[in-house]
């Protein structure tokens, strides 16, 4: 199950740098996870300082 980034995102970019498959990119206001690329590894969840990444 891929993850998604909620509106709690502060756009710090820590998740993008941590993603091993480059599924995360900067959106207009917050970062976004491409569900077709996400492998559900959870690396982004561990580095998010505001816990804005959840299982979809």
C-alpha atoms as a PDB file:
ATOM      1  CA  UNK A   1       0.000   0.000   0.000  1.00  0.00           C
ATOM      2  CA  UNK A   2       1.598   3.296  -1.043  1.00  0.00           C
ATOM      3  CA  UNK A   3       1.920   6.223   1.325  1.00  0.00           C
ATOM      4  CA  UNK A   4       0.503   9.716   0.887  1.00  0.00           C
ATOM      5  CA  UNK A   5       1.398  13.117   2.269  1.00  0.00           C
ATOM      6  CA  UNK A   6      -1.295  14.974   4.190  1.00  0.00           C
ATOM      7  CA  UNK A   7      -1.996  18.707   4.391  1.00  0.00           C
ATOM      8  CA  UNK A   8       0.120  18.768   7.553  1.00  0.00           C
ATOM      9  CA  UNK A   9       3.212  18.809   5.291  1.00  0.00           C
ATOM     10  CA  UNK A  10       5.505  21.798   5.935  1.00  0.00           C
ATOM     11  CA  UNK A  11       7.359  21.299   2.616  1.00  0.00           C
ATOM     12  CA  UNK A  12      10.735  20.775   4.292  1.00  0.00           C
ATOM     13  CA  UNK A  13      11.924  18.305   1.631  1.00  0.00           C
ATOM     14  CA  UNK A  14      13.389  15.717   3.994  1.00  0.00           C
ATOM     15  CA  UNK A  15      11.148  12.976   2.586  1.00  0.00           C
ATOM     16  CA  UNK A  16      12.170  13.609  -1.028  1.00  0.00           C
ATOM     17  CA  UNK A  17      15.850  13.142  -0.242  1.00  0.00           C
ATOM     18  CA  UNK A  18      15.153   9.911   1.668  1.00  0.00           C
ATOM     19  CA  UNK A  19      13.029   8.134  -0.969  1.00  0.00           C
ATOM     20  CA  UNK A  20      15.098   5.356  -2.601  1.00  0.00           C
ATOM     21  CA  UNK A  21      12.847   5.144  -5.693  1.00  0.00           C
ATOM     22  CA  UNK A  22      12.328   8.890  -6.233  1.00  0.00           C
ATOM     23  CA  UNK A  23       8.549   8.628  -5.812  1.00  0.00           C
ATOM     24  CA  UNK A  24       8.340  11.952  -3.965  1.00  0.00           C
ATOM     25  CA  UNK A  25       8.329  15.314  -5.695  1.00  0.00           C
ATOM     26  CA  UNK A  26       7.569  18.906  -4.806  1.00  0.00           C
ATOM     27  CA  UNK A  27       3.995  19.871  -5.555  1.00  0.00           C
ATOM     28  CA  UNK A  28       2.457  23.331  -5.697  1.00  0.00           C
ATOM     29  CA  UNK A  29       2.096  23.679  -1.928  1.00  0.00           C
ATOM     30  CA  UNK A  30       3.221  20.384  -0.391  1.00  0.00           C
ATOM     31  CA  UNK A  31       5.242  17.366  -1.463  1.00  0.00           C
ATOM     32  CA  UNK A  32       3.492  14.517  -3.272  1.00  0.00           C
ATOM     33  CA  UNK A  33       4.067  10.763  -3.536  1.00  0.00           C
ATOM     34  CA  UNK A  34       3.467   9.008  -6.848  1.00  0.00           C
ATOM     35  CA  UNK A  35       1.502   5.875  -5.853  1.00  0.00           C
ATOM     36  CA  UNK A  36       2.619   4.062  -8.998  1.00  0.00           C
ATOM     37  CA  UNK A  37       6.271   4.369  -7.976  1.00  0.00           C
ATOM     38  CA  UNK A  38       6.050   4.122  -4.160  1.00  0.00           C
ATOM     39  CA  UNK A  39       7.267   0.739  -2.876  1.00  0.00           C
ATOM     40  CA  UNK A  40       5.881   1.230   0.655  1.00  0.00           C
ATOM     41  CA  UNK A  41       9.333   1.074   2.246  1.00  0.00           C
ATOM     42  CA  UNK A  42       8.426   3.678   4.874  1.00  0.00           C
ATOM     43  CA  UNK A  43      11.741   5.552   4.740  1.00  0.00           C
ATOM     44  CA  UNK A  44       9.895   8.844   4.255  1.00  0.00           C
ATOM     45  CA  UNK A  45       7.694   8.232   7.295  1.00  0.00           C
ATOM     46  CA  UNK A  46      10.733   7.936   9.556  1.00  0.00           C
ATOM     47  CA  UNK A  47      12.199  11.320   8.530  1.00  0.00           C
ATOM     48  CA  UNK A  48       9.056  13.459   8.436  1.00  0.00           C
ATOM     49  CA  UNK A  49       9.309  15.947  11.322  1.00  0.00           C
ATOM     50  CA  UNK A  50       5.543  16.574  11.481  1.00  0.00           C
ATOM     51  CA  UNK A  51       4.264  13.029  10.822  1.00  0.00           C
ATOM     52  CA  UNK A  52       2.505  14.132   7.630  1.00  0.00           C
ATOM     53  CA  UNK A  53       3.071  10.865   5.762  1.00  0.00           C
ATOM     54  CA  UNK A  54       0.528   8.099   6.229  1.00  0.00           C
ATOM     55  CA  UNK A  55      -0.377   4.777   4.621  1.00  0.00           C
ATOM     56  CA  UNK A  56      -2.999   5.342   1.943  1.00  0.00           C
END
